[in-house]
């Protein structure tokens, strides 16, 4: 036999062997059956192996006796191939006569839209189905349709046009323009039956227009109109009931009008928070308020403590991202969680002290008397703390976001008007006590201690630019319980300025944090943050 025919014979045998293996693997869906199929076809496997060896022996480009083919099969019965065959009879559905942009639903599930370039056929399970076709500005068409097996059916869906109409909300929506972001606005939802244009305005109970909200296009059934509680000159109006009136005209020339009731009320103040330590309030200080139910805040920030080093600059940089959610518990409650990453760029250490921590808190607002309010705060954290020699970022001990443990806190707040004075008292427990390095007291396995933070916060109104809050606080901690009674320095210091642009959901934070031991031993760090109130 010539070498040409011999090579052709070998390749054909290899193809037959591989085909036999593929068919055997597809004939079953279990590993054991797969093993039996391959074992029963040993002649084909032997032929494939012999063909491969012959091909290697006659190769003109591989003189190595080792097997470098790059593929093998060891008869492992753990692999399997499953083929699923769907034998459900199917047919096609075509919608005729519906306006372009109509949405088609079959048995309550959306299947597609009707386009202006021609009908579309959808492949569906055969049998009787409930079909619904919807389009803004038209009445809804529904019908029972039988979809034939392996065939098609065309349905003529007639959607008569609807006259233009508007509908408002009679239940008054209460809001406080002095609150930040979205909390300071009334967002009223109107319903429209057909496309057109409308003009929105705010009127008082005497029927006088106090704010022209402008013209808007009615392109869908939902129309959202937002008012920030200000008149046409940008000044805050007095408290009380108002109406947001929407006057519109449809494409068919029909006029319609609707109104939504709103009320400006003096609601408990709510401010944005950095969420630095896994709780809400000024930087490092919890407050005695909670987000209203259903409202949400997202916050991110970072600050740095730089210092000079040989050959450059080094820094400790804590950065965090957190969220805050209002809960319908006990009248007023909220959940906060945040993640923090602390990096040490520029440091030359034997190991990388960078670490990630997670912290969360649950706060319940207790009933207050007049300007005096209080809240209970339960918090916990998990972290990968580092050696104390490299843990002294500012402040190294305040808040559980940098060491694992749990805490219980009481917040007392006196808020007469635009300012507040606050007191945070808490107890923390952890397997780590920051700053414990004097070696006098043996490590008990778990530490617990108390802390107290005092501070004040004020609000400055900036007119059309929004408002600015300024806060400062200081805190001290005790020695661990069971050790000598007393306070352990240094003091924890914090300050924050938060700008609330008018009509914006964004809040910009500028912050500082640090420690003070004495007039010759202290440090501060600064940074920025951004919050979104939704």
Protein backbone atom coordinates (compact mmCIF):
# COMPACT_ATOMS: atom_id res chain seq x y z
CA UNK A 1 0.00 0.00 0.00
CA UNK A 2 1.38 3.40 -0.91
CA UNK A 3 2.12 5.92 1.82
CA UNK A 4 -0.61 8.23 0.47
CA UNK A 5 -3.38 5.60 0.75
CA UNK A 6 -2.06 4.42 4.10
CA UNK A 7 -2.22 7.97 5.54
CA UNK A 8 -5.75 8.42 4.15
CA UNK A 9 -6.81 5.11 5.72
CA UNK A 10 -5.40 6.11 9.10
CA UNK A 11 -7.21 9.49 9.10
CA UNK A 12 -10.53 7.87 8.10
CA UNK A 13 -10.16 5.34 10.92
CA UNK A 14 -9.49 8.13 13.43
CA UNK A 15 -12.58 10.05 12.30
CA UNK A 16 -14.74 6.91 12.61
CA UNK A 17 -13.40 6.25 16.10
CA UNK A 18 -14.10 9.81 17.29
CA UNK A 19 -17.61 9.67 15.78
CA UNK A 20 -18.29 6.40 17.63
CA UNK A 21 -17.20 7.96 20.93
CA UNK A 22 -19.43 11.02 20.37
CA UNK A 23 -22.48 8.90 19.55
CA UNK A 24 -21.86 6.72 22.60
CA UNK A 25 -21.67 9.78 24.90
CA UNK A 26 -24.88 11.27 23.49
CA UNK A 27 -26.84 8.01 23.95
CA UNK A 28 -27.12 8.42 27.73
CA UNK A 29 -27.41 11.18 30.36
CA UNK A 30 -25.75 9.40 33.31
CA UNK A 31 -22.07 8.90 34.11
CA UNK A 32 -22.40 5.13 34.59
CA UNK A 33 -24.17 4.62 31.27
CA UNK A 34 -21.51 6.74 29.60
CA UNK A 35 -18.83 4.44 31.03
CA UNK A 36 -20.58 1.31 29.80
CA UNK A 37 -20.99 2.76 26.30
CA UNK A 38 -17.28 3.52 25.98
CA UNK A 39 -16.28 0.13 27.42
CA UNK A 40 -18.46 -1.65 24.90
CA UNK A 41 -16.77 0.08 22.00
CA UNK A 42 -13.21 -0.96 22.82
CA UNK A 43 -12.39 -1.88 19.25
CA UNK A 44 -13.10 1.64 18.07
CA UNK A 45 -11.00 3.11 20.89
CA UNK A 46 -8.15 0.71 20.04
CA UNK A 47 -8.39 1.66 16.38
CA UNK A 48 -8.22 5.35 17.27
CA UNK A 49 -5.18 4.78 19.50
CA UNK A 50 -3.42 2.72 16.79
CA UNK A 51 -4.24 5.31 14.16
CA UNK A 52 -2.82 8.05 16.35
CA UNK A 53 0.38 6.06 16.96
CA UNK A 54 0.81 5.29 13.26
CA UNK A 55 0.28 8.92 12.38
CA UNK A 56 2.91 9.95 14.95
CA UNK A 57 5.39 7.34 13.64
CA UNK A 58 5.02 8.58 10.03
CA UNK A 59 5.09 12.28 10.84
CA UNK A 60 7.84 14.14 9.01
CA UNK A 61 7.97 17.04 11.52
CA UNK A 62 8.07 15.25 14.89
CA UNK A 63 11.12 13.04 15.54
CA UNK A 64 10.46 12.84 19.30
CA UNK A 65 9.21 9.48 20.56
CA UNK A 66 7.17 11.21 23.33
CA UNK A 67 3.47 11.75 22.84
CA UNK A 68 3.09 15.48 22.14
CA UNK A 69 -0.32 15.22 20.56
CA UNK A 70 -1.87 17.51 23.19
CA UNK A 71 -5.04 15.45 23.67
CA UNK A 72 -5.98 12.32 25.59
CA UNK A 73 -8.96 10.52 27.07
CA UNK A 74 -8.61 8.55 30.28
CA UNK A 75 -12.04 6.96 30.35
CA UNK A 76 -13.29 9.14 33.26
CA UNK A 77 -16.94 8.25 33.78
CA UNK A 78 -17.67 11.43 35.82
CA UNK A 79 -18.37 13.54 32.70
CA UNK A 80 -21.72 13.33 30.95
CA UNK A 81 -23.65 14.93 28.13
CA UNK A 82 -27.35 15.72 28.45
CA UNK A 83 -29.59 16.51 25.53
CA UNK A 84 -33.00 18.01 26.33
CA UNK A 85 -35.58 17.82 23.56
CA UNK A 86 -38.63 20.08 23.93
CA UNK A 87 -41.56 18.39 22.19
CA UNK A 88 -44.12 21.06 23.14
CA UNK A 89 -46.21 21.88 20.07
CA UNK A 90 -45.78 25.50 19.08
CA UNK A 91 -47.32 27.97 16.70
CA UNK A 92 -47.05 31.64 15.76
CA UNK A 93 -49.13 34.66 16.74
CA UNK A 94 -49.30 37.81 14.60
CA UNK A 95 -51.03 41.02 15.75
CA UNK A 96 -52.61 43.18 13.04
CA UNK A 97 -54.24 46.58 13.34
CA UNK A 98 -52.62 47.72 16.60
CA UNK A 99 -50.88 51.14 16.73
CA UNK A 100 -47.10 51.19 16.50
CA UNK A 101 -45.55 50.94 19.93
CA UNK A 102 -48.28 48.72 21.36
CA UNK A 103 -47.20 46.20 23.99
CA UNK A 104 -48.38 42.60 23.64
CA UNK A 105 -48.98 40.34 26.64
CA UNK A 106 -49.82 36.64 26.46
CA UNK A 107 -51.23 35.05 29.63
CA UNK A 108 -50.01 38.09 31.58
CA UNK A 109 -46.41 37.93 30.32
CA UNK A 110 -44.90 40.55 28.02
CA UNK A 111 -43.83 39.04 24.68
CA UNK A 112 -42.95 42.10 22.58
CA UNK A 113 -44.07 45.27 20.87
CA UNK A 114 -45.80 46.16 17.62
CA UNK A 115 -43.57 48.17 15.29
CA UNK A 116 -44.40 50.55 12.45
CA UNK A 117 -42.34 48.61 9.88
CA UNK A 118 -44.75 45.67 9.81
CA UNK A 119 -46.24 42.84 11.86
CA UNK A 120 -44.12 40.57 14.01
CA UNK A 121 -44.85 36.86 14.53
CA UNK A 122 -44.17 35.44 18.00
CA UNK A 123 -43.59 31.71 18.48
CA UNK A 124 -45.67 30.47 21.43
CA UNK A 125 -46.96 27.25 22.92
CA UNK A 126 -50.07 26.02 21.09
CA UNK A 127 -53.49 26.11 22.70
CA UNK A 128 -55.82 28.75 24.04
CA UNK A 129 -54.13 31.86 25.43
CA UNK A 130 -55.31 35.20 26.82
CA UNK A 131 -53.86 38.03 24.73
CA UNK A 132 -53.76 41.68 25.80
CA UNK A 133 -52.58 44.64 23.69
CA UNK A 134 -51.91 48.03 25.32
CA UNK A 135 -50.86 51.39 23.93
CA UNK A 136 -50.81 54.81 25.57
CA UNK A 137 -53.64 56.93 24.21
CA UNK A 138 -55.77 53.96 23.20
CA UNK A 139 -58.20 51.62 24.87
CA UNK A 140 -56.88 48.17 25.79
CA UNK A 141 -57.76 45.16 23.61
CA UNK A 142 -58.09 41.70 25.15
CA UNK A 143 -59.17 38.39 23.69
CA UNK A 144 -58.86 34.62 23.87
CA UNK A 145 -56.84 33.23 20.97
CA UNK A 146 -56.17 29.62 19.98
CA UNK A 147 -52.63 29.20 18.67
CA UNK A 148 -52.47 26.19 16.33
CA UNK A 149 -49.75 23.58 16.64
CA UNK A 150 -47.12 24.02 13.91
CA UNK A 151 -49.21 26.73 12.32
CA UNK A 152 -49.99 30.41 12.68
CA UNK A 153 -52.86 32.68 13.55
CA UNK A 154 -53.38 36.39 12.81
CA UNK A 155 -55.40 38.54 15.20
CA UNK A 156 -56.87 41.91 14.32
CA UNK A 157 -56.64 43.94 17.53
CA UNK A 158 -58.67 47.13 17.38
CA UNK A 159 -57.67 49.74 19.96
CA UNK A 160 -59.98 52.78 19.79
CA UNK A 161 -58.33 56.10 20.69
CA UNK A 162 -59.11 57.60 24.11
CA UNK A 163 -59.99 61.23 24.78
CA UNK A 164 -57.37 63.28 26.61
CA UNK A 165 -57.84 63.23 30.37
CA UNK A 166 -55.93 63.98 33.58
CA UNK A 167 -56.26 62.63 37.12
CA UNK A 168 -54.63 63.93 40.30
CA UNK A 169 -54.34 62.85 43.91
CA UNK A 170 -56.70 64.05 46.63
CA UNK A 171 -54.66 62.75 49.60
CA UNK A 172 -52.40 65.61 50.75
CA UNK A 173 -48.67 65.06 50.41
CA UNK A 174 -46.79 66.56 53.39
CA UNK A 175 -43.23 67.81 53.01
CA UNK A 176 -40.76 70.18 54.62
CA UNK A 177 -38.68 72.47 52.32
CA UNK A 178 -36.06 72.81 55.06
CA UNK A 179 -35.06 69.18 54.69
CA UNK A 180 -32.21 68.18 52.37
CA UNK A 181 -32.39 66.85 48.84
CA UNK A 182 -35.45 64.91 47.78
CA UNK A 183 -36.92 65.23 51.29
CA UNK A 184 -37.40 68.96 50.68
CA UNK A 185 -39.65 68.54 47.64
CA UNK A 186 -43.22 67.47 46.94
CA UNK A 187 -43.32 64.97 44.08
CA UNK A 188 -46.92 64.59 42.89
CA UNK A 189 -47.93 61.94 40.39
CA UNK A 190 -50.67 62.62 37.81
CA UNK A 191 -52.21 60.16 35.38
CA UNK A 192 -52.97 60.93 31.72
CA UNK A 193 -55.08 58.92 29.27
CA UNK A 194 -53.61 60.25 25.99
CA UNK A 195 -50.64 62.29 24.74
CA UNK A 196 -50.64 66.07 24.72
CA UNK A 197 -49.13 69.05 26.53
CA UNK A 198 -49.80 70.53 29.95
CA UNK A 199 -48.91 73.46 32.19
CA UNK A 200 -48.27 73.05 35.92
CA UNK A 201 -48.72 75.70 38.63
CA UNK A 202 -49.09 75.92 42.41
CA UNK A 203 -52.04 77.77 43.90
CA UNK A 204 -52.94 78.62 47.49
CA UNK A 205 -56.30 78.07 49.12
CA UNK A 206 -57.45 81.50 47.86
CA UNK A 207 -56.85 80.40 44.28
CA UNK A 208 -53.84 82.66 43.78
CA UNK A 209 -50.92 81.28 41.77
CA UNK A 210 -47.73 81.26 43.86
CA UNK A 211 -45.47 79.35 41.47
CA UNK A 212 -45.50 78.71 37.72
CA UNK A 213 -43.87 75.32 37.17
CA UNK A 214 -43.83 75.64 33.40
CA UNK A 215 -44.99 73.59 30.44
CA UNK A 216 -44.32 69.89 29.98
CA UNK A 217 -44.96 67.23 27.37
CA UNK A 218 -47.37 64.40 28.13
CA UNK A 219 -45.71 61.38 26.51
CA UNK A 220 -46.85 58.64 28.88
CA UNK A 221 -49.53 57.78 31.38
CA UNK A 222 -47.49 58.94 34.41
CA UNK A 223 -46.70 62.65 34.87
CA UNK A 224 -44.52 63.64 37.82
CA UNK A 225 -44.60 67.27 38.97
CA UNK A 226 -42.08 68.44 41.59
CA UNK A 227 -42.33 71.55 43.79
CA UNK A 228 -39.66 72.72 46.23
CA UNK A 229 -41.94 74.92 48.34
CA UNK A 230 -40.75 78.22 46.82
CA UNK A 231 -42.55 80.96 44.94
CA UNK A 232 -41.61 82.54 41.62
CA UNK A 233 -39.07 84.79 43.38
CA UNK A 234 -37.29 81.82 44.99
CA UNK A 235 -38.52 82.51 48.51
CA UNK A 236 -40.00 79.83 50.75
CA UNK A 237 -43.76 80.14 51.08
CA UNK A 238 -45.53 79.88 54.40
CA UNK A 239 -46.70 76.56 55.76
CA UNK A 240 -50.12 75.18 55.03
CA UNK A 241 -52.14 73.48 52.27
CA UNK A 242 -51.61 74.14 48.56
CA UNK A 243 -52.68 72.62 45.26
CA UNK A 244 -50.51 71.61 42.33
CA UNK A 245 -52.77 72.21 39.32
CA UNK A 246 -52.15 70.63 35.91
CA UNK A 247 -53.98 72.08 32.88
CA UNK A 248 -53.50 70.20 29.62
CA UNK A 249 -54.65 69.79 26.06
CA UNK A 250 -54.52 66.55 24.10
CA UNK A 251 -53.53 66.01 20.51
CA UNK A 252 -57.23 65.62 19.75
CA UNK A 253 -57.88 69.15 21.07
CA UNK A 254 -59.55 68.02 24.30
CA UNK A 255 -58.89 70.16 27.38
CA UNK A 256 -58.52 68.62 30.85
CA UNK A 257 -57.45 69.72 34.32
CA UNK A 258 -56.50 67.95 37.55
CA UNK A 259 -55.09 68.90 40.97
CA UNK A 260 -52.99 67.26 43.67
CA UNK A 261 -53.07 68.40 47.29
CA UNK A 262 -49.78 69.18 49.08
CA UNK A 263 -49.05 70.56 52.51
CA UNK A 264 -45.96 72.36 53.78
CA UNK A 265 -45.39 71.17 57.32
CA UNK A 266 -42.76 71.58 60.01
CA UNK A 267 -41.42 68.02 60.07
CA UNK A 268 -38.58 66.68 62.23
CA UNK A 269 -35.23 67.69 60.69
CA UNK A 270 -33.31 65.07 58.72
CA UNK A 271 -29.75 65.62 57.53
CA UNK A 272 -27.41 63.64 55.32
CA UNK A 273 -24.63 61.65 56.95
CA UNK A 274 -21.17 60.55 55.95
CA UNK A 275 -21.97 56.99 57.21
CA UNK A 276 -18.29 56.77 58.14
CA UNK A 277 -18.71 54.49 61.14
CA UNK A 278 -21.74 52.55 59.96
CA UNK A 279 -24.30 54.91 61.53
CA UNK A 280 -25.92 58.20 60.57
CA UNK A 281 -25.11 61.61 61.98
CA UNK A 282 -22.28 64.11 61.79
CA UNK A 283 -18.83 62.63 61.29
CA UNK A 284 -18.24 60.16 64.18
CA UNK A 285 -21.41 61.37 65.96
CA UNK A 286 -24.80 59.69 65.79
CA UNK A 287 -27.95 61.80 65.66
CA UNK A 288 -31.43 61.21 67.10
CA UNK A 289 -33.32 61.23 63.78
CA UNK A 290 -34.17 58.60 61.20
CA UNK A 291 -34.94 58.71 57.51
CA UNK A 292 -38.67 58.57 56.76
CA UNK A 293 -39.93 55.20 55.63
CA UNK A 294 -38.95 54.35 52.07
CA UNK A 295 -36.28 57.05 51.72
CA UNK A 296 -32.70 56.08 50.92
CA UNK A 297 -29.24 57.62 51.20
CA UNK A 298 -26.00 56.56 49.54
CA UNK A 299 -22.74 58.06 50.80
CA UNK A 300 -19.04 57.76 49.95
CA UNK A 301 -15.98 59.58 51.18
CA UNK A 302 -12.32 59.48 52.13
CA UNK A 303 -9.81 61.47 54.12
CA UNK A 304 -6.05 61.26 54.49
CA UNK A 305 -3.45 61.86 57.18
CA UNK A 306 -0.25 62.63 55.25
CA UNK A 307 3.20 62.83 56.78
CA UNK A 308 6.67 63.33 55.42
CA UNK A 309 9.00 60.38 55.00
CA UNK A 310 12.51 59.84 53.72
CA UNK A 311 12.31 60.14 49.98
CA UNK A 312 8.64 61.13 49.75
CA UNK A 313 5.25 61.38 51.41
CA UNK A 314 3.32 58.66 53.20
CA UNK A 315 -0.33 58.68 54.24
CA UNK A 316 -3.06 56.73 55.96
CA UNK A 317 -6.25 56.93 53.87
CA UNK A 318 -9.58 55.54 55.08
CA UNK A 319 -12.22 55.41 52.31
CA UNK A 320 -15.77 54.14 52.68
CA UNK A 321 -19.08 53.51 50.95
CA UNK A 322 -22.38 53.13 52.80
CA UNK A 323 -26.16 53.21 52.54
CA UNK A 324 -28.98 54.29 54.84
CA UNK A 325 -32.60 53.14 54.66
CA UNK A 326 -35.70 54.37 56.50
CA UNK A 327 -37.73 51.57 58.12
CA UNK A 328 -41.39 51.44 59.25
CA UNK A 329 -40.48 50.09 62.68
CA UNK A 330 -41.64 51.60 65.96
CA UNK A 331 -42.67 54.78 64.20
CA UNK A 332 -39.14 55.83 63.17
CA UNK A 333 -36.12 53.60 62.60
CA UNK A 334 -33.33 53.16 60.10
CA UNK A 335 -30.71 50.68 58.96
CA UNK A 336 -27.16 51.75 58.02
CA UNK A 337 -24.29 49.70 56.63
CA UNK A 338 -20.90 50.71 55.29
CA UNK A 339 -17.66 49.21 54.06
CA UNK A 340 -14.30 50.86 54.72
CA UNK A 341 -10.90 50.30 53.16
CA UNK A 342 -7.79 51.79 54.75
CA UNK A 343 -4.62 51.99 52.68
CA UNK A 344 -1.11 53.08 53.65
CA UNK A 345 0.60 54.44 50.52
CA UNK A 346 4.23 55.40 50.93
CA UNK A 347 4.84 53.27 54.01
CA UNK A 348 7.70 50.79 53.95
CA UNK A 349 6.53 48.05 56.31
CA UNK A 350 7.32 44.39 56.66
CA UNK A 351 3.72 43.59 55.65
CA UNK A 352 0.88 45.46 54.01
CA UNK A 353 -1.37 46.82 56.81
CA UNK A 354 -4.20 47.76 54.44
CA UNK A 355 -7.50 46.30 55.56
CA UNK A 356 -11.24 46.17 54.88
CA UNK A 357 -13.97 46.43 57.50
CA UNK A 358 -17.77 46.21 57.48
CA UNK A 359 -20.04 47.98 59.95
CA UNK A 360 -23.81 48.17 60.40
CA UNK A 361 -26.25 49.71 62.85
CA UNK A 362 -29.94 49.72 63.67
CA UNK A 363 -31.34 52.88 65.22
CA UNK A 364 -34.73 53.44 66.81
CA UNK A 365 -35.93 56.95 67.61
CA UNK A 366 -37.58 57.28 71.00
CA UNK A 367 -40.32 59.77 71.83
CA UNK A 368 -38.99 63.16 72.81
CA UNK A 369 -40.38 66.13 74.67
CA UNK A 370 -40.37 69.33 72.66
CA UNK A 371 -36.86 70.05 71.41
CA UNK A 372 -35.36 67.15 73.36
CA UNK A 373 -35.05 63.87 71.43
CA UNK A 374 -33.33 60.56 71.97
CA UNK A 375 -32.48 57.37 70.12
CA UNK A 376 -31.07 53.91 70.80
CA UNK A 377 -28.29 52.63 68.55
CA UNK A 378 -27.17 49.00 68.21
CA UNK A 379 -24.10 48.44 66.06
CA UNK A 380 -21.65 45.73 65.08
CA UNK A 381 -18.61 45.39 62.85
CA UNK A 382 -16.23 42.87 61.38
CA UNK A 383 -12.72 43.82 60.35
CA UNK A 384 -9.23 42.61 59.69
CA UNK A 385 -7.35 44.84 62.11
CA UNK A 386 -3.60 45.28 61.95
CA UNK A 387 -0.84 45.57 64.49
CA UNK A 388 -1.11 48.60 66.75
CA UNK A 389 2.16 49.95 65.43
CA UNK A 390 0.41 50.82 62.15
CA UNK A 391 -3.18 51.34 63.31
CA UNK A 392 -2.94 54.97 64.33
CA UNK A 393 -4.97 56.57 61.58
CA UNK A 394 -7.14 59.38 62.88
CA UNK A 395 -8.93 58.53 65.05
CA UNK A 396 -7.58 55.11 65.84
CA UNK A 397 -10.12 54.09 68.46
CA UNK A 398 -13.47 55.83 67.88
CA UNK A 399 -16.21 53.80 66.25
CA UNK A 400 -16.32 50.07 65.48
CA UNK A 401 -15.56 50.43 61.76
CA UNK A 402 -11.85 49.66 62.33
CA UNK A 403 -12.02 46.76 64.79
CA UNK A 404 -14.37 43.80 65.20
CA UNK A 405 -16.99 44.01 67.91
CA UNK A 406 -20.41 45.26 68.92
CA UNK A 407 -21.73 48.31 70.68
CA UNK A 408 -24.81 49.84 72.28
CA UNK A 409 -25.34 53.59 72.30
CA UNK A 410 -27.71 56.23 73.61
CA UNK A 411 -28.13 59.51 71.72
CA UNK A 412 -29.53 62.58 73.46
CA UNK A 413 -30.19 65.63 71.35
CA UNK A 414 -31.43 69.12 72.08
CA UNK A 415 -32.50 70.83 68.86
CA UNK A 416 -34.06 74.28 69.30
CA UNK A 417 -34.59 75.53 65.76
CA UNK A 418 -31.76 75.37 63.25
CA UNK A 419 -29.10 74.01 65.63
CA UNK A 420 -28.59 71.07 67.92
CA UNK A 421 -26.42 70.01 70.81
CA UNK A 422 -25.82 66.27 71.12
CA UNK A 423 -24.44 63.69 73.50
CA UNK A 424 -23.43 60.16 72.45
CA UNK A 425 -22.89 57.67 75.26
CA UNK A 426 -21.94 54.13 74.39
CA UNK A 427 -20.42 50.84 75.44
CA UNK A 428 -18.24 48.79 73.07
CA UNK A 429 -16.94 45.25 73.29
CA UNK A 430 -14.22 43.75 71.10
CA UNK A 431 -11.34 41.32 70.96
CA UNK A 432 -9.13 44.37 70.40
CA UNK A 433 -8.60 47.55 72.42
CA UNK A 434 -6.87 50.20 70.30
CA UNK A 435 -3.89 51.66 72.10
CA UNK A 436 -3.48 48.87 74.64
CA UNK A 437 0.29 48.52 74.63
CA UNK A 438 1.55 49.19 78.16
CA UNK A 439 1.65 45.51 79.09
CA UNK A 440 0.35 46.17 82.62
CA UNK A 441 -2.92 44.28 82.30
CA UNK A 442 -3.08 40.78 80.78
CA UNK A 443 -5.18 40.41 77.65
CA UNK A 444 -8.58 39.05 78.78
CA UNK A 445 -9.65 37.76 75.33
CA UNK A 446 -12.38 40.39 75.04
CA UNK A 447 -12.31 44.05 76.00
CA UNK A 448 -15.20 46.32 76.90
CA UNK A 449 -15.16 50.04 77.59
CA UNK A 450 -17.34 53.14 77.56
CA UNK A 451 -17.09 56.34 75.54
CA UNK A 452 -18.75 59.74 75.55
CA UNK A 453 -18.93 62.25 72.68
CA UNK A 454 -20.17 65.83 72.97
CA UNK A 455 -20.79 68.19 70.09
CA UNK A 456 -22.90 70.81 68.39
CA UNK A 457 -24.28 71.38 64.92
CA UNK A 458 -25.75 74.48 63.28
CA UNK A 459 -27.47 75.29 59.98
CA UNK A 460 -26.85 78.33 57.82
CA UNK A 461 -29.40 79.21 55.13
CA UNK A 462 -27.78 80.23 51.84
CA UNK A 463 -30.89 81.38 49.98
CA UNK A 464 -30.99 80.14 46.41
CA UNK A 465 -27.70 78.27 47.02
CA UNK A 466 -29.32 75.94 49.57
CA UNK A 467 -28.07 75.45 53.10
CA UNK A 468 -24.89 74.66 54.99
CA UNK A 469 -24.49 72.65 58.21
CA UNK A 470 -21.43 72.91 60.46
CA UNK A 471 -20.64 70.39 63.20
CA UNK A 472 -17.80 69.76 65.64
CA UNK A 473 -17.37 67.21 68.41
CA UNK A 474 -14.87 65.59 70.79
CA UNK A 475 -14.95 62.23 72.57
CA UNK A 476 -13.17 60.45 75.42
CA UNK A 477 -13.03 56.76 76.38
CA UNK A 478 -12.50 54.85 79.57
CA UNK A 479 -9.91 52.24 80.39
CA UNK A 480 -11.17 48.69 79.71
CA UNK A 481 -13.59 47.45 82.33
CA UNK A 482 -11.67 45.53 84.98
CA UNK A 483 -8.56 47.65 84.68
CA UNK A 484 -7.74 50.75 86.69
CA UNK A 485 -10.62 53.22 86.59
CA UNK A 486 -10.03 56.33 84.50
CA UNK A 487 -9.90 57.85 81.03
CA UNK A 488 -7.38 56.85 78.41
CA UNK A 489 -6.07 59.58 76.09
CA UNK A 490 -6.05 60.82 73.42
CA UNK A 491 -9.29 62.68 72.74
CA UNK A 492 -11.03 61.98 69.44
CA UNK A 493 -11.81 65.11 67.40
CA UNK A 494 -14.14 65.50 64.43
CA UNK A 495 -15.59 68.31 62.34
CA UNK A 496 -17.78 68.46 59.27
CA UNK A 497 -19.30 70.98 56.87
CA UNK A 498 -22.10 69.75 54.61
CA UNK A 499 -23.51 71.75 51.71
CA UNK A 500 -27.05 71.04 50.51
CA UNK A 501 -27.55 72.68 47.09
CA UNK A 502 -31.13 73.87 46.61
CA UNK A 503 -33.30 71.44 44.66
CA UNK A 504 -30.54 68.85 44.37
CA UNK A 505 -30.40 65.33 45.83
CA UNK A 506 -26.62 65.64 46.25
CA UNK A 507 -24.86 66.69 49.45
CA UNK A 508 -21.15 67.56 49.54
CA UNK A 509 -19.20 66.94 52.76
CA UNK A 510 -15.89 68.43 53.87
CA UNK A 511 -14.50 66.79 57.01
CA UNK A 512 -11.64 66.62 59.41
CA UNK A 513 -10.74 63.99 62.01
CA UNK A 514 -7.87 63.63 64.41
CA UNK A 515 -6.62 63.16 67.94
CA UNK A 516 -5.43 65.46 70.70
CA UNK A 517 -3.23 64.35 73.59
CA UNK A 518 -1.74 67.67 74.64
CA UNK A 519 -0.70 70.95 73.06
CA UNK A 520 2.45 69.35 71.65
CA UNK A 521 0.92 66.02 70.63
CA UNK A 522 -2.00 66.14 68.21
CA UNK A 523 -2.80 65.66 64.54
CA UNK A 524 -5.62 66.27 62.07
CA UNK A 525 -6.63 64.78 58.72
CA UNK A 526 -8.98 66.15 56.08
CA UNK A 527 -11.14 64.80 53.27
CA UNK A 528 -14.29 65.00 51.17
CA UNK A 529 -17.50 63.02 50.81
CA UNK A 530 -20.60 62.88 48.62
CA UNK A 531 -24.13 61.78 49.56
CA UNK A 532 -27.28 61.22 47.53
CA UNK A 533 -30.68 61.56 49.21
CA UNK A 534 -33.41 59.63 47.39
